[in-house]
PDB file of N, CA and C in Angstrom:
ATOM      1  N   UNK A   1      73.116  41.758  86.302  1.00  0.00           N
ATOM      2  CA  UNK A   1      71.332  41.766  87.343  1.00  0.00           C
ATOM      3  C   UNK A   1      70.755  43.240  86.694  1.00  0.00           C
ATOM      4  N   UNK A   2      71.949  43.762  88.130  1.00  0.00           N
ATOM      5  CA  UNK A   2      71.896  45.286  88.392  1.00  0.00           C
ATOM      6  C   UNK A   2      71.985  45.829  86.757  1.00  0.00           C
ATOM      7  N   UNK A   3      72.031  46.034  85.748  1.00  0.00           N
ATOM      8  CA  UNK A   3      72.192  45.864  84.501  1.00  0.00           C
ATOM      9  C   UNK A   3      70.378  45.669  83.732  1.00  0.00           C
ATOM     10  N   UNK A   4      70.255  44.740  84.077  1.00  0.00           N
ATOM     11  CA  UNK A   4      68.504  44.720  83.986  1.00  0.00           C
ATOM     12  C   UNK A   4      67.671  45.304  84.716  1.00  0.00           C
ATOM     13  N   UNK A   5      68.004  45.329  85.848  1.00  0.00           N
ATOM     14  CA  UNK A   5      67.178  46.513  86.703  1.00  0.00           C
ATOM     15  C   UNK A   5      66.987  48.388  85.880  1.00  0.00           C
ATOM     16  N   UNK A   6      68.107  48.362  85.486  1.00  0.00           N
ATOM     17  CA  UNK A   6      68.399  49.869  85.145  1.00  0.00           C
ATOM     18  C   UNK A   6      67.819  50.044  84.236  1.00  0.00           C
ATOM     19  N   UNK A   7      67.873  48.747  83.556  1.00  0.00           N
ATOM     20  CA  UNK A   7      67.256  49.000  81.978  1.00  0.00           C
ATOM     21  C   UNK A   7      65.727  49.201  82.212  1.00  0.00           C
ATOM     22  N   UNK A   8      64.938  48.456  82.548  1.00  0.00           N
ATOM     23  CA  UNK A   8      63.758  47.667  82.756  1.00  0.00           C
ATOM     24  C   UNK A   8      63.211  49.756  83.640  1.00  0.00           C
ATOM     25  N   UNK A   9      63.968  50.432  84.066  1.00  0.00           N
ATOM     26  CA  UNK A   9      63.793  51.502  85.351  1.00  0.00           C
ATOM     27  C   UNK A   9      63.705  52.292  83.788  1.00  0.00           C
ATOM     28  N   UNK A  10      64.509  52.257  83.418  1.00  0.00           N
ATOM     29  CA  UNK A  10      64.695  53.928  81.621  1.00  0.00           C
ATOM     30  C   UNK A  10      63.865  52.781  80.786  1.00  0.00           C
ATOM     31  N   UNK A  11      63.583  52.400  80.510  1.00  0.00           N
ATOM     32  CA  UNK A  11      62.480  51.994  79.322  1.00  0.00           C
ATOM     33  C   UNK A  11      61.013  52.724  80.168  1.00  0.00           C
ATOM     34  N   UNK A  12      60.767  52.606  81.659  1.00  0.00           N
ATOM     35  CA  UNK A  12      59.691  53.031  82.019  1.00  0.00           C
ATOM     36  C   UNK A  12      59.160  54.153  82.543  1.00  0.00           C
ATOM     37  N   UNK A  13      60.850  54.723  82.427  1.00  0.00           N
ATOM     38  CA  UNK A  13      60.987  56.314  82.548  1.00  0.00           C
ATOM     39  C   UNK A  13      60.451  57.046  81.297  1.00  0.00           C
ATOM     40  N   UNK A  14      60.548  56.708  80.265  1.00  0.00           N
ATOM     41  CA  UNK A  14      60.772  56.676  78.464  1.00  0.00           C
ATOM     42  C   UNK A  14      58.949  56.587  78.165  1.00  0.00           C
ATOM     43  N   UNK A  15      58.194  55.508  78.956  1.00  0.00           N
ATOM     44  CA  UNK A  15      57.526  54.806  78.838  1.00  0.00           C
ATOM     45  C   UNK A  15      55.988  55.929  79.625  1.00  0.00           C
ATOM     46  N   UNK A  16      55.801  56.740  80.942  1.00  0.00           N
ATOM     47  CA  UNK A  16      54.962  57.670  81.629  1.00  0.00           C
ATOM     48  C   UNK A  16      55.951  59.021  81.397  1.00  0.00           C
ATOM     49  N   UNK A  17      57.219  58.989  81.016  1.00  0.00           N
ATOM     50  CA  UNK A  17      57.523  60.438  79.948  1.00  0.00           C
ATOM     51  C   UNK A  17      56.045  60.893  79.201  1.00  0.00           C
ATOM     52  N   UNK A  18      56.401  59.852  78.672  1.00  0.00           N
ATOM     53  CA  UNK A  18      55.596  60.021  76.994  1.00  0.00           C
ATOM     54  C   UNK A  18      53.572  60.105  77.182  1.00  0.00           C
ATOM     55  N   UNK A  19      53.352  59.556  78.601  1.00  0.00           N
ATOM     56  CA  UNK A  19      52.031  58.716  77.975  1.00  0.00           C
ATOM     57  C   UNK A  19      51.490  60.306  79.703  1.00  0.00           C
ATOM     58  N   UNK A  20      52.351  60.670  79.972  1.00  0.00           N
ATOM     59  CA  UNK A  20      52.394  62.216  81.054  1.00  0.00           C
ATOM     60  C   UNK A  20      52.607  63.058  79.320  1.00  0.00           C
ATOM     61  N   UNK A  21      52.798  63.819  78.781  1.00  0.00           N
ATOM     62  CA  UNK A  21      52.778  64.541  78.066  1.00  0.00           C
ATOM     63  C   UNK A  21      52.250  64.221  76.945  1.00  0.00           C
ATOM     64  N   UNK A  22      50.352  62.872  76.898  1.00  0.00           N
ATOM     65  CA  UNK A  22      49.528  62.228  75.773  1.00  0.00           C
ATOM     66  C   UNK A  22      48.992  62.978  77.359  1.00  0.00           C
ATOM     67  N   UNK A  23      48.562  63.122  77.775  1.00  0.00           N
ATOM     68  CA  UNK A  23      47.667  63.365  78.880  1.00  0.00           C
ATOM     69  C   UNK A  23      47.066  64.305  78.612  1.00  0.00           C
ATOM     70  N   UNK A  24      45.059  63.978  78.934  1.00  0.00           N
ATOM     71  CA  UNK A  24      43.694  65.386  78.106  1.00  0.00           C
ATOM     72  C   UNK A  24      44.214  65.400  79.858  1.00  0.00           C
ATOM     73  N   UNK A  25      44.331  65.132  80.454  1.00  0.00           N
ATOM     74  CA  UNK A  25      43.926  66.046  81.665  1.00  0.00           C
ATOM     75  C   UNK A  25      44.506  66.628  83.222  1.00  0.00           C
ATOM     76  N   UNK A  26      44.950  67.445  83.608  1.00  0.00           N
ATOM     77  CA  UNK A  26      45.988  68.301  83.974  1.00  0.00           C
ATOM     78  C   UNK A  26      46.492  67.431  84.774  1.00  0.00           C
ATOM     79  N   UNK A  27      46.239  66.645  85.503  1.00  0.00           N
ATOM     80  CA  UNK A  27      46.211  66.074  86.795  1.00  0.00           C
ATOM     81  C   UNK A  27      46.519  64.644  86.800  1.00  0.00           C
ATOM     82  N   UNK A  28      46.334  64.426  85.287  1.00  0.00           N
ATOM     83  CA  UNK A  28      46.566  63.312  84.966  1.00  0.00           C
ATOM     84  C   UNK A  28      48.068  62.661  84.574  1.00  0.00           C
ATOM     85  N   UNK A  29      48.993  64.056  84.735  1.00  0.00           N
ATOM     86  CA  UNK A  29      49.764  64.560  84.464  1.00  0.00           C
ATOM     87  C   UNK A  29      50.363  64.568  85.219  1.00  0.00           C
ATOM     88  N   UNK A  30      50.211  65.212  86.140  1.00  0.00           N
ATOM     89  CA  UNK A  30      51.116  65.289  87.669  1.00  0.00           C
ATOM     90  C   UNK A  30      50.725  63.915  88.197  1.00  0.00           C
ATOM     91  N   UNK A  31      49.911  63.247  88.370  1.00  0.00           N
ATOM     92  CA  UNK A  31      50.224  62.586  89.126  1.00  0.00           C
ATOM     93  C   UNK A  31      51.541  60.834  87.945  1.00  0.00           C
ATOM     94  N   UNK A  32      51.305  60.730  86.955  1.00  0.00           N
ATOM     95  CA  UNK A  32      52.830  60.602  86.249  1.00  0.00           C
ATOM     96  C   UNK A  32      53.590  61.534  86.325  1.00  0.00           C
ATOM     97  N   UNK A  33      53.119  62.755  87.007  1.00  0.00           N
ATOM     98  CA  UNK A  33      55.437  62.564  86.318  1.00  0.00           C
ATOM     99  C   UNK A  33      55.164  62.864  87.514  1.00  0.00           C
ATOM    100  N   UNK A  34      54.804  62.596  89.049  1.00  0.00           N
ATOM    101  CA  UNK A  34      55.318  61.863  90.485  1.00  0.00           C
ATOM    102  C   UNK A  34      55.663  60.829  90.057  1.00  0.00           C
ATOM    103  N   UNK A  35      54.898  60.104  89.487  1.00  0.00           N
ATOM    104  CA  UNK A  35      54.962  58.795  88.981  1.00  0.00           C
ATOM    105  C   UNK A  35      57.040  58.177  88.498  1.00  0.00           C
ATOM    106  N   UNK A  36      57.178  59.385  87.515  1.00  0.00           N
ATOM    107  CA  UNK A  36      58.653  59.930  86.871  1.00  0.00           C
ATOM    108  C   UNK A  36      59.269  59.773  88.007  1.00  0.00           C
ATOM    109  N   UNK A  37      59.475  61.023  88.784  1.00  0.00           N
ATOM    110  CA  UNK A  37      59.938  61.382  89.931  1.00  0.00           C
ATOM    111  C   UNK A  37      60.577  60.328  90.681  1.00  0.00           C
ATOM    112  N   UNK A  38      59.995  59.047  90.937  1.00  0.00           N
ATOM    113  CA  UNK A  38      59.849  58.039  92.113  1.00  0.00           C
ATOM    114  C   UNK A  38      60.477  57.140  90.776  1.00  0.00           C
ATOM    115  N   UNK A  39      60.821  56.845  89.947  1.00  0.00           N
ATOM    116  CA  UNK A  39      61.597  56.203  89.290  1.00  0.00           C
ATOM    117  C   UNK A  39      62.453  56.406  89.107  1.00  0.00           C
ATOM    118  N   UNK A  40      62.708  58.121  89.507  1.00  0.00           N
ATOM    119  CA  UNK A  40      64.072  58.143  88.771  1.00  0.00           C
ATOM    120  C   UNK A  40      64.746  58.877  89.929  1.00  0.00           C
ATOM    121  N   UNK A  41      63.654  58.483  91.099  1.00  0.00           N
ATOM    122  CA  UNK A  41      64.558  58.048  92.342  1.00  0.00           C
ATOM    123  C   UNK A  41      65.726  56.077  92.341  1.00  0.00           C
ATOM    124  N   UNK A  42      64.392  55.447  92.338  1.00  0.00           N
ATOM    125  CA  UNK A  42      64.859  54.091  91.861  1.00  0.00           C
ATOM    126  C   UNK A  42      66.956  53.701  91.654  1.00  0.00           C
ATOM    127  N   UNK A  43      66.124  54.829  90.483  1.00  0.00           N
ATOM    128  CA  UNK A  43      66.889  54.928  88.845  1.00  0.00           C
ATOM    129  C   UNK A  43      68.959  55.643  89.915  1.00  0.00           C
ATOM    130  N   UNK A  44      68.275  56.677  90.510  1.00  0.00           N
ATOM    131  CA  UNK A  44      69.648  57.208  90.780  1.00  0.00           C
ATOM    132  C   UNK A  44      69.580  55.848  92.560  1.00  0.00           C
ATOM    133  N   UNK A  45      69.365  55.586  92.763  1.00  0.00           N
ATOM    134  CA  UNK A  45      69.567  54.037  94.110  1.00  0.00           C
ATOM    135  C   UNK A  45      70.797  53.215  93.583  1.00  0.00           C
ATOM    136  N   UNK A  46      69.438  52.930  91.922  1.00  0.00           N
ATOM    137  CA  UNK A  46      70.000  51.000  91.281  1.00  0.00           C
ATOM    138  C   UNK A  46      71.853  52.073  91.644  1.00  0.00           C
ATOM    139  N   UNK A  47      71.548  52.801  91.135  1.00  0.00           N
ATOM    140  CA  UNK A  47      73.602  53.991  90.680  1.00  0.00           C
ATOM    141  C   UNK A  47      74.322  54.228  91.210  1.00  0.00           C
ATOM    142  N   UNK A  48      74.010  53.405  93.066  1.00  0.00           N
ATOM    143  CA  UNK A  48      74.762  53.937  93.926  1.00  0.00           C
ATOM    144  C   UNK A  48      74.766  55.983  94.414  1.00  0.00           C
ATOM    145  N   UNK A  49      73.257  56.292  94.213  1.00  0.00           N
ATOM    146  CA  UNK A  49      73.910  57.419  94.726  1.00  0.00           C
ATOM    147  C   UNK A  49      72.469  57.415  96.085  1.00  0.00           C
ATOM    148  N   UNK A  50      72.018  56.914  96.246  1.00  0.00           N
ATOM    149  CA  UNK A  50      71.083  57.602  97.806  1.00  0.00           C
ATOM    150  C   UNK A  50      70.594  58.753  97.959  1.00  0.00           C
ATOM    151  N   UNK A  51      72.151  59.164  97.980  1.00  0.00           N
ATOM    152  CA  UNK A  51      71.426  60.328  98.916  1.00  0.00           C
ATOM    153  C   UNK A  51      70.488  61.047  97.667  1.00  0.00           C
ATOM    154  N   UNK A  52      71.407  61.431  96.549  1.00  0.00           N
ATOM    155  CA  UNK A  52      70.178  62.102  95.455  1.00  0.00           C
ATOM    156  C   UNK A  52      68.957  61.145  94.899  1.00  0.00           C
ATOM    157  N   UNK A  53      69.605  59.389  95.427  1.00  0.00           N
ATOM    158  CA  UNK A  53      67.494  59.699  95.739  1.00  0.00           C
ATOM    159  C   UNK A  53      66.447  60.020  96.777  1.00  0.00           C
ATOM    160  N   UNK A  54      66.404  59.940  97.665  1.00  0.00           N
ATOM    161  CA  UNK A  54      66.322  60.758  98.331  1.00  0.00           C
ATOM    162  C   UNK A  54      65.658  62.185  98.918  1.00  0.00           C
ATOM    163  N   UNK A  55      66.387  62.764  97.899  1.00  0.00           N
ATOM    164  CA  UNK A  55      66.357  64.220  97.052  1.00  0.00           C
ATOM    165  C   UNK A  55      65.768  64.482  96.479  1.00  0.00           C
ATOM    166  N   UNK A  56      66.011  63.900  95.337  1.00  0.00           N
ATOM    167  CA  UNK A  56      64.645  63.492  94.098  1.00  0.00           C
ATOM    168  C   UNK A  56      63.605  62.292  94.711  1.00  0.00           C
ATOM    169  N   UNK A  57      63.013  62.113  95.890  1.00  0.00           N
ATOM    170  CA  UNK A  57      61.708  61.323  95.854  1.00  0.00           C
ATOM    171  C   UNK A  57      61.294  62.191  96.366  1.00  0.00           C
ATOM    172  N   UNK A  58      61.970  63.280  97.863  1.00  0.00           N
ATOM    173  CA  UNK A  58      61.574  64.191  98.973  1.00  0.00           C
ATOM    174  C   UNK A  58      60.578  65.122  97.994  1.00  0.00           C
ATOM    175  N   UNK A  59      60.762  65.420  97.217  1.00  0.00           N
ATOM    176  CA  UNK A  59      61.214  67.253  96.146  1.00  0.00           C
ATOM    177  C   UNK A  59      60.300  66.901  94.448  1.00  0.00           C
ATOM    178  N   UNK A  60      60.824  65.920  94.676  1.00  0.00           N
ATOM    179  CA  UNK A  60      59.709  65.858  93.003  1.00  0.00           C
ATOM    180  C   UNK A  60      58.897  65.160  93.498  1.00  0.00           C
ATOM    181  N   UNK A  61      59.208  63.961  94.089  1.00  0.00           N
ATOM    182  CA  UNK A  61      57.676  63.937  94.290  1.00  0.00           C
ATOM    183  C   UNK A  61      56.511  64.198  95.016  1.00  0.00           C
ATOM    184  N   UNK A  62      57.174  64.737  95.847  1.00  0.00           N
ATOM    185  CA  UNK A  62      56.282  65.119  97.606  1.00  0.00           C
ATOM    186  C   UNK A  62      56.273  66.140  97.073  1.00  0.00           C
ATOM    187  N   UNK A  63      57.096  67.337  97.104  1.00  0.00           N
ATOM    188  CA  UNK A  63      56.662  69.347  97.057  1.00  0.00           C
ATOM    189  C   UNK A  63      56.239  69.051  96.042  1.00  0.00           C
ATOM    190  N   UNK A  64      56.242  69.197  95.236  1.00  0.00           N
ATOM    191  CA  UNK A  64      56.431  69.181  93.089  1.00  0.00           C
ATOM    192  C   UNK A  64      54.878  69.216  92.571  1.00  0.00           C
ATOM    193  N   UNK A  65      54.811  67.393  93.039  1.00  0.00           N
ATOM    194  CA  UNK A  65      53.469  66.975  93.031  1.00  0.00           C
ATOM    195  C   UNK A  65      52.664  67.877  94.004  1.00  0.00           C
ATOM    196  N   UNK A  66      52.545  68.137  95.509  1.00  0.00           N
ATOM    197  CA  UNK A  66      51.625  69.059  96.134  1.00  0.00           C
ATOM    198  C   UNK A  66      51.541  70.422  95.347  1.00  0.00           C
ATOM    199  N   UNK A  67      52.272  71.187  95.221  1.00  0.00           N
ATOM    200  CA  UNK A  67      52.806  71.554  94.619  1.00  0.00           C
ATOM    201  C   UNK A  67      51.243  72.248  93.496  1.00  0.00           C
ATOM    202  N   UNK A  68      51.752  71.518  92.215  1.00  0.00           N
ATOM    203  CA  UNK A  68      50.831  71.723  91.465  1.00  0.00           C
ATOM    204  C   UNK A  68      49.514  70.827  91.722  1.00  0.00           C
ATOM    205  N   UNK A  69      49.401  70.217  92.344  1.00  0.00           N
ATOM    206  CA  UNK A  69      47.923  69.901  92.523  1.00  0.00           C
ATOM    207  C   UNK A  69      47.147  71.086  93.059  1.00  0.00           C
ATOM    208  N   UNK A  70      47.541  71.857  93.868  1.00  0.00           N
ATOM    209  CA  UNK A  70      47.088  73.717  94.686  1.00  0.00           C
ATOM    210  C   UNK A  70      47.112  74.276  93.839  1.00  0.00           C
ATOM    211  N   UNK A  71      47.902  73.910  92.850  1.00  0.00           N
ATOM    212  CA  UNK A  71      47.629  74.709  91.483  1.00  0.00           C
ATOM    213  C   UNK A  71      46.810  74.809  90.558  1.00  0.00           C
ATOM    214  N   UNK A  72      45.844  73.421  90.579  1.00  0.00           N
ATOM    215  CA  UNK A  72      45.196  73.387  89.700  1.00  0.00           C
ATOM    216  C   UNK A  72      43.861  73.419  90.391  1.00  0.00           C
ATOM    217  N   UNK A  73      43.288  73.000  91.735  1.00  0.00           N
ATOM    218  CA  UNK A  73      42.786  72.995  92.184  1.00  0.00           C
ATOM    219  C   UNK A  73      42.732  74.677  92.575  1.00  0.00           C
ATOM    220  N   UNK A  74      43.159  75.841  92.740  1.00  0.00           N
ATOM    221  CA  UNK A  74      43.247  76.884  93.306  1.00  0.00           C
ATOM    222  C   UNK A  74      43.037  77.699  91.776  1.00  0.00           C
ATOM    223  N   UNK A  75      43.184  76.753  90.353  1.00  0.00           N
ATOM    224  CA  UNK A  75      42.756  77.880  89.271  1.00  0.00           C
ATOM    225  C   UNK A  75      41.300  76.500  88.310  1.00  0.00           C
ATOM    226  N   UNK A  76      40.675  75.995  88.561  1.00  0.00           N
ATOM    227  CA  UNK A  76      39.940  74.971  88.408  1.00  0.00           C
ATOM    228  C   UNK A  76      38.862  76.283  88.357  1.00  0.00           C
ATOM    229  N   UNK A  77      38.428  76.518  87.890  1.00  0.00           N
ATOM    230  CA  UNK A  77      36.306  77.342  87.759  1.00  0.00           C
ATOM    231  C   UNK A  77      35.142  76.115  87.371  1.00  0.00           C
ATOM    232  N   UNK A  78      33.897  77.164  87.971  1.00  0.00           N
ATOM    233  CA  UNK A  78      33.209  76.116  86.906  1.00  0.00           C
ATOM    234  C   UNK A  78      31.735  76.790  85.703  1.00  0.00           C
ATOM    235  N   UNK A  79      32.075  76.009  85.115  1.00  0.00           N
ATOM    236  CA  UNK A  79      31.320  76.981  83.880  1.00  0.00           C
ATOM    237  C   UNK A  79      30.025  77.053  84.103  1.00  0.00           C
ATOM    238  N   UNK A  80      29.327  77.162  82.904  1.00  0.00           N
ATOM    239  CA  UNK A  80      28.154  78.029  82.457  1.00  0.00           C
ATOM    240  C   UNK A  80      27.622  76.800  83.112  1.00  0.00           C
ATOM    241  N   UNK A  81      27.288  75.535  82.614  1.00  0.00           N
ATOM    242  CA  UNK A  81      26.360  73.992  83.730  1.00  0.00           C
ATOM    243  C   UNK A  81      26.721  73.597  84.797  1.00  0.00           C
ATOM    244  N   UNK A  82      27.583  74.716  85.353  1.00  0.00           N
ATOM    245  CA  UNK A  82      28.038  73.852  86.498  1.00  0.00           C
ATOM    246  C   UNK A  82      28.547  72.754  86.835  1.00  0.00           C
ATOM    247  N   UNK A  83      29.549  72.663  85.977  1.00  0.00           N
ATOM    248  CA  UNK A  83      30.751  71.424  85.327  1.00  0.00           C
ATOM    249  C   UNK A  83      31.838  72.408  86.253  1.00  0.00           C
ATOM    250  N   UNK A  84      32.464  71.286  86.954  1.00  0.00           N
ATOM    251  CA  UNK A  84      34.281  71.974  86.666  1.00  0.00           C
ATOM    252  C   UNK A  84      34.711  71.676  85.711  1.00  0.00           C
ATOM    253  N   UNK A  85      35.674  72.531  85.503  1.00  0.00           N
ATOM    254  CA  UNK A  85      37.336  72.457  84.829  1.00  0.00           C
ATOM    255  C   UNK A  85      38.582  72.967  85.292  1.00  0.00           C
ATOM    256  N   UNK A  86      39.132  73.021  84.829  1.00  0.00           N
ATOM    257  CA  UNK A  86      40.628  72.468  85.161  1.00  0.00           C
ATOM    258  C   UNK A  86      41.587  73.347  83.679  1.00  0.00           C
TER     259      UNK A  86
END
């Protein structure tokens, strides 16, 4: 049963990573990177490494996502038509 959960999680990691690479919007890529990090944390937990899972969830999904979203917000600008671009 555990091997099936690990295989499914690995498959989801591949799908999420490819989707993040192909996403057109930066914010969508950042959210998908956060999902990737949460799935990685789940994989670490399934492999009996709860300390690594907690660190991955906190740093990968929490802090990194916040920094990326903040950077996107700070670097976005408004074009001549009044539309916001990133």
